[in-house]
Amino acid sequence: MITLHHLNNSRSQRVLWLLEELEIPYEIIKYERDPKTLLAPKSLQQIHPLGKSPVITDGDQVIAESGNILEYIVDTYGKGRLVPAAGTPAFRHCRYFMHYAEGSLMPFLLLKLIFTKVRTSKMPFFVKPIAKKIANTVSAAFVTPNLTRHLAFLGDHLAKHTWFAGDELSVADIQMSYAVEAIVGRAKDLDVSPKFAEMVARMHARPAYQRAIAKGGPVNPD
């Protein structure tokens, strides 16, 4: 049986949502972030050397990384569910967004979060103007232009498709969910298509998503 080592308010929520969508038996062990540092507890290192979440165990297997975990679960337990038929455009979209979520999109969302915190964090008064100028310069020259390009690309895609792979929910939507929630919460100062909020509403309306939130807690990636 799968055991999900679940960290509150993390990418682990993706795995919990998938398990609920597939309605397969699993166990959940909960971990809480340090309230001051927001870091995962060191006890997670006993499960995986990097001490990160999400991570699952299945028998003697220890499996980490969101995309890897989701693919393992649908390949092992999905029985064809949430994966489009091979060779179809939907399958290619699904595979693309499984890799795109963390490989291309999340780095810019993370940089936006970091530089926002640099601008707003407490620090010595003589350092703050320098730190703020650096944050503003890097954001304007690098982070914002790239993130704007990604948002336009995704908004255009969602204008043509109900879900990321097509008309039906797929594992790619679950992989993209954390980033979509972050866009709605974190990129309000950018030109964000209303399609993102519409997708979040569709996600939140799903009974499996609601069960996942009830068991794992809310997701606030902002």
Protein backbone atom coordinates (compact mmCIF):
# COMPACT_ATOMS: atom_id res chain seq x y z
CA MET A 1 0.00 0.00 0.00
CA ILE A 2 1.16 3.53 -0.76
CA THR A 3 2.13 5.72 2.16
CA LEU A 4 2.19 9.44 1.45
CA HIS A 5 4.57 11.43 3.64
CA HIS A 6 2.63 14.66 3.50
CA LEU A 7 4.00 18.10 4.36
CA ASN A 8 1.41 20.77 5.04
CA ASN A 9 0.98 23.49 2.40
CA SER A 10 3.26 21.89 -0.16
CA ARG A 11 3.44 20.16 -3.52
CA SER A 12 2.49 17.02 -1.63
CA GLN A 13 -1.12 18.13 -2.04
CA ARG A 14 -0.86 17.15 -5.71
CA VAL A 15 -0.19 13.54 -4.73
CA LEU A 16 -3.03 13.52 -2.25
CA TRP A 17 -5.42 14.84 -4.91
CA LEU A 18 -4.34 12.15 -7.38
CA LEU A 19 -4.80 9.39 -4.80
CA GLU A 20 -8.30 10.66 -4.10
CA GLU A 21 -9.14 10.93 -7.82
CA LEU A 22 -8.09 7.32 -8.39
CA GLU A 23 -9.79 6.17 -5.16
CA ILE A 24 -7.00 3.76 -4.34
CA PRO A 25 -6.16 2.79 -0.76
CA TYR A 26 -3.31 4.69 0.87
CA GLU A 27 -2.01 5.82 4.22
CA ILE A 28 -0.98 9.35 5.09
CA ILE A 29 1.70 10.44 7.55
CA LYS A 30 1.63 14.17 8.22
CA TYR A 31 4.56 16.48 8.80
CA GLU A 32 4.39 20.15 9.77
CA ARG A 33 6.66 22.97 8.65
CA ASP A 34 8.64 24.88 11.24
CA PRO A 35 6.40 27.87 12.02
CA LYS A 36 9.36 30.30 11.92
CA THR A 37 11.49 29.03 9.04
CA LEU A 38 8.67 27.26 7.13
CA LEU A 39 11.15 24.45 6.43
CA ALA A 40 10.24 20.77 6.45
CA PRO A 41 11.10 18.89 9.66
CA LYS A 42 14.35 16.94 9.71
CA SER A 43 12.36 13.76 10.36
CA LEU A 44 11.61 13.65 6.62
CA GLN A 45 15.29 12.88 6.06
CA GLN A 46 14.62 9.49 7.61
CA ILE A 47 12.35 8.76 4.64
CA HIS A 48 14.45 10.34 1.87
CA PRO A 49 17.98 11.78 2.23
CA LEU A 50 16.95 15.18 0.85
CA GLY A 51 14.25 15.56 3.50
CA LYS A 52 11.80 17.05 1.02
CA SER A 53 8.13 16.51 0.32
CA PRO A 54 6.37 14.99 -1.50
CA VAL A 55 7.70 11.50 -1.07
CA ILE A 56 5.86 8.20 -1.02
CA THR A 57 6.75 4.71 0.04
CA ASP A 58 5.24 1.66 -1.59
CA GLY A 59 6.50 -1.56 -0.08
CA ASP A 60 10.29 -1.22 -0.06
CA GLN A 61 10.28 1.53 -2.67
CA VAL A 62 10.89 5.17 -1.80
CA ILE A 63 9.80 7.55 -4.57
CA ALA A 64 10.36 11.31 -4.60
CA GLU A 65 9.72 14.28 -6.93
CA SER A 66 6.16 15.27 -7.81
CA GLY A 67 6.18 14.32 -11.48
CA ASN A 68 7.93 11.03 -10.81
CA ILE A 69 5.45 10.16 -8.06
CA LEU A 70 2.40 11.03 -10.14
CA GLU A 71 3.66 9.01 -13.10
CA TYR A 72 4.45 6.06 -10.85
CA ILE A 73 0.96 6.10 -9.35
CA VAL A 74 -0.92 6.31 -12.66
CA ASP A 75 1.38 3.71 -14.27
CA THR A 76 1.07 1.28 -11.34
CA TYR A 77 -2.47 1.84 -10.10
CA GLY A 78 -4.26 4.03 -12.61
CA LYS A 79 -5.52 1.33 -15.00
CA GLY A 80 -5.50 3.87 -17.81
CA ARG A 81 -7.30 6.58 -15.87
CA LEU A 82 -6.17 10.23 -16.06
CA VAL A 83 -3.76 9.49 -18.93
CA PRO A 84 -4.90 10.15 -22.52
CA ALA A 85 -4.50 7.46 -25.15
CA ALA A 86 -0.94 7.16 -26.45
CA GLY A 87 -0.25 8.83 -29.76
CA THR A 88 -3.03 11.41 -29.43
CA PRO A 89 -2.59 15.19 -29.18
CA ALA A 90 -4.00 14.97 -25.66
CA PHE A 91 -1.27 12.50 -24.68
CA ARG A 92 1.43 14.81 -26.03
CA HIS A 93 -0.06 17.77 -24.16
CA CYS A 94 -0.23 15.67 -21.00
CA ARG A 95 3.40 14.60 -21.20
CA TYR A 96 4.54 18.13 -22.03
CA PHE A 97 2.82 19.79 -19.07
CA MET A 98 4.01 17.05 -16.70
CA HIS A 99 7.57 18.26 -17.36
CA TYR A 100 6.81 21.94 -18.00
CA ALA A 101 5.29 22.57 -14.56
CA GLU A 102 8.52 22.29 -12.59
CA GLY A 103 11.06 22.50 -15.38
CA SER A 104 9.96 25.78 -16.99
CA LEU A 105 7.22 27.54 -15.02
CA MET A 106 7.88 27.15 -11.31
CA PRO A 107 11.42 28.60 -11.37
CA PHE A 108 10.06 31.99 -12.45
CA LEU A 109 7.22 31.87 -9.92
CA LEU A 110 9.77 31.05 -7.22
CA LEU A 111 12.02 33.92 -8.30
CA LYS A 112 9.05 36.28 -8.20
CA LEU A 113 8.29 35.15 -4.65
CA ILE A 114 11.92 35.52 -3.55
CA PHE A 115 12.34 39.05 -4.91
CA THR A 116 8.98 40.10 -3.48
CA LYS A 117 10.19 38.94 -0.06
CA VAL A 118 13.50 40.77 -0.56
CA ARG A 119 11.58 44.01 -1.18
CA THR A 120 9.26 43.57 1.79
CA SER A 121 11.42 41.83 4.43
CA LYS A 122 12.82 43.61 7.44
CA MET A 123 16.52 44.44 7.19
CA PRO A 124 18.93 47.20 8.31
CA PHE A 125 17.87 50.58 6.89
CA PHE A 126 21.19 51.10 5.10
CA VAL A 127 20.90 47.76 3.29
CA LYS A 128 17.25 47.95 2.26
CA PRO A 129 17.63 50.49 -0.62
CA ILE A 130 20.40 48.40 -2.19
CA ALA A 131 18.49 45.13 -1.79
CA LYS A 132 15.32 46.70 -3.15
CA LYS A 133 17.14 48.14 -6.16
CA ILE A 134 18.72 44.77 -6.98
CA ALA A 135 15.35 43.02 -6.63
CA ASN A 136 13.61 45.58 -8.84
CA THR A 137 16.34 45.46 -11.49
CA VAL A 138 16.42 41.67 -11.75
CA SER A 139 12.63 41.46 -11.69
CA ALA A 140 12.20 44.06 -14.44
CA ALA A 141 14.97 42.73 -16.68
CA PHE A 142 14.54 38.99 -16.24
CA VAL A 143 11.76 37.61 -14.06
CA THR A 144 8.77 39.68 -15.19
CA PRO A 145 9.41 39.43 -18.97
CA ASN A 146 9.84 35.66 -18.80
CA LEU A 147 6.89 35.13 -16.49
CA THR A 148 4.72 37.36 -18.68
CA ARG A 149 5.60 35.21 -21.68
CA HIS A 150 4.68 32.05 -19.82
CA LEU A 151 1.38 33.49 -18.60
CA ALA A 152 0.43 34.50 -22.14
CA PHE A 153 1.30 31.03 -23.43
CA LEU A 154 -0.73 29.29 -20.73
CA GLY A 155 -3.67 31.66 -21.00
CA ASP A 156 -3.84 31.06 -24.74
CA HIS A 157 -3.69 27.30 -24.20
CA LEU A 158 -6.46 27.35 -21.60
CA ALA A 159 -8.59 29.48 -23.92
CA LYS A 160 -8.56 26.56 -26.35
CA HIS A 161 -8.74 23.63 -23.91
CA THR A 162 -10.84 22.94 -20.82
CA TRP A 163 -7.91 21.21 -19.13
CA PHE A 164 -4.22 21.18 -20.00
CA ALA A 165 -4.37 17.95 -22.00
CA GLY A 166 -7.75 18.63 -23.58
CA ASP A 167 -11.39 18.28 -22.57
CA GLU A 168 -10.84 15.81 -19.73
CA LEU A 169 -8.93 16.06 -16.46
CA SER A 170 -5.56 14.35 -16.64
CA VAL A 171 -2.57 13.78 -14.41
CA ALA A 172 -0.99 16.85 -16.07
CA ASP A 173 -3.64 19.08 -14.49
CA ILE A 174 -2.77 17.69 -11.10
CA GLN A 175 0.92 18.36 -11.75
CA MET A 176 0.13 21.90 -12.94
CA SER A 177 -2.29 22.63 -10.10
CA TYR A 178 0.28 23.99 -7.65
CA ALA A 179 1.60 26.44 -10.25
CA VAL A 180 -1.90 27.52 -11.28
CA GLU A 181 -2.82 28.20 -7.66
CA ALA A 182 0.42 30.18 -7.31
CA ILE A 183 -0.34 32.24 -10.43
CA VAL A 184 -3.78 33.19 -9.14
CA GLY A 185 -2.37 34.12 -5.74
CA ARG A 186 1.10 35.42 -6.58
CA ALA A 187 0.94 37.14 -9.98
CA LYS A 188 -1.89 39.61 -9.46
CA ASP A 189 0.34 42.46 -10.60
CA LEU A 190 0.76 40.84 -14.03
CA ASP A 191 -1.62 40.31 -16.91
CA VAL A 192 -3.26 37.06 -15.79
CA SER A 193 -5.93 35.54 -18.00
CA PRO A 194 -9.27 34.84 -16.27
CA LYS A 195 -8.82 31.27 -17.53
CA PHE A 196 -6.53 30.59 -14.59
CA ALA A 197 -9.19 31.47 -12.02
CA GLU A 198 -11.71 29.44 -14.01
CA MET A 199 -9.43 26.43 -13.84
CA VAL A 200 -8.93 26.86 -10.10
CA ALA A 201 -12.71 26.95 -9.70
CA ARG A 202 -13.02 23.70 -11.67
CA MET A 203 -10.34 22.11 -9.53
CA HIS A 204 -11.96 23.21 -6.29
CA ALA A 205 -15.34 21.87 -7.42
CA ARG A 206 -14.07 18.32 -7.80
CA PRO A 207 -15.07 16.04 -4.90
CA ALA A 208 -11.63 14.38 -4.92
CA TYR A 209 -9.91 17.75 -4.59
CA GLN A 210 -12.19 18.65 -1.71
CA ARG A 211 -11.42 15.37 0.04
CA ALA A 212 -7.70 16.00 -0.44
CA ILE A 213 -7.97 19.45 1.13
CA ALA A 214 -9.99 18.05 4.03
CA LYS A 215 -7.28 15.47 4.71
CA GLY A 216 -4.14 17.45 3.91
CA GLY A 217 -5.03 21.05 4.62
CA PRO A 218 -5.25 24.11 2.34
CA VAL A 219 -2.72 25.04 -0.31
CA ASN A 220 -1.50 28.64 -0.22
CA PRO A 221 1.49 28.85 -2.58
CA ASP A 222 1.71 32.63 -2.22
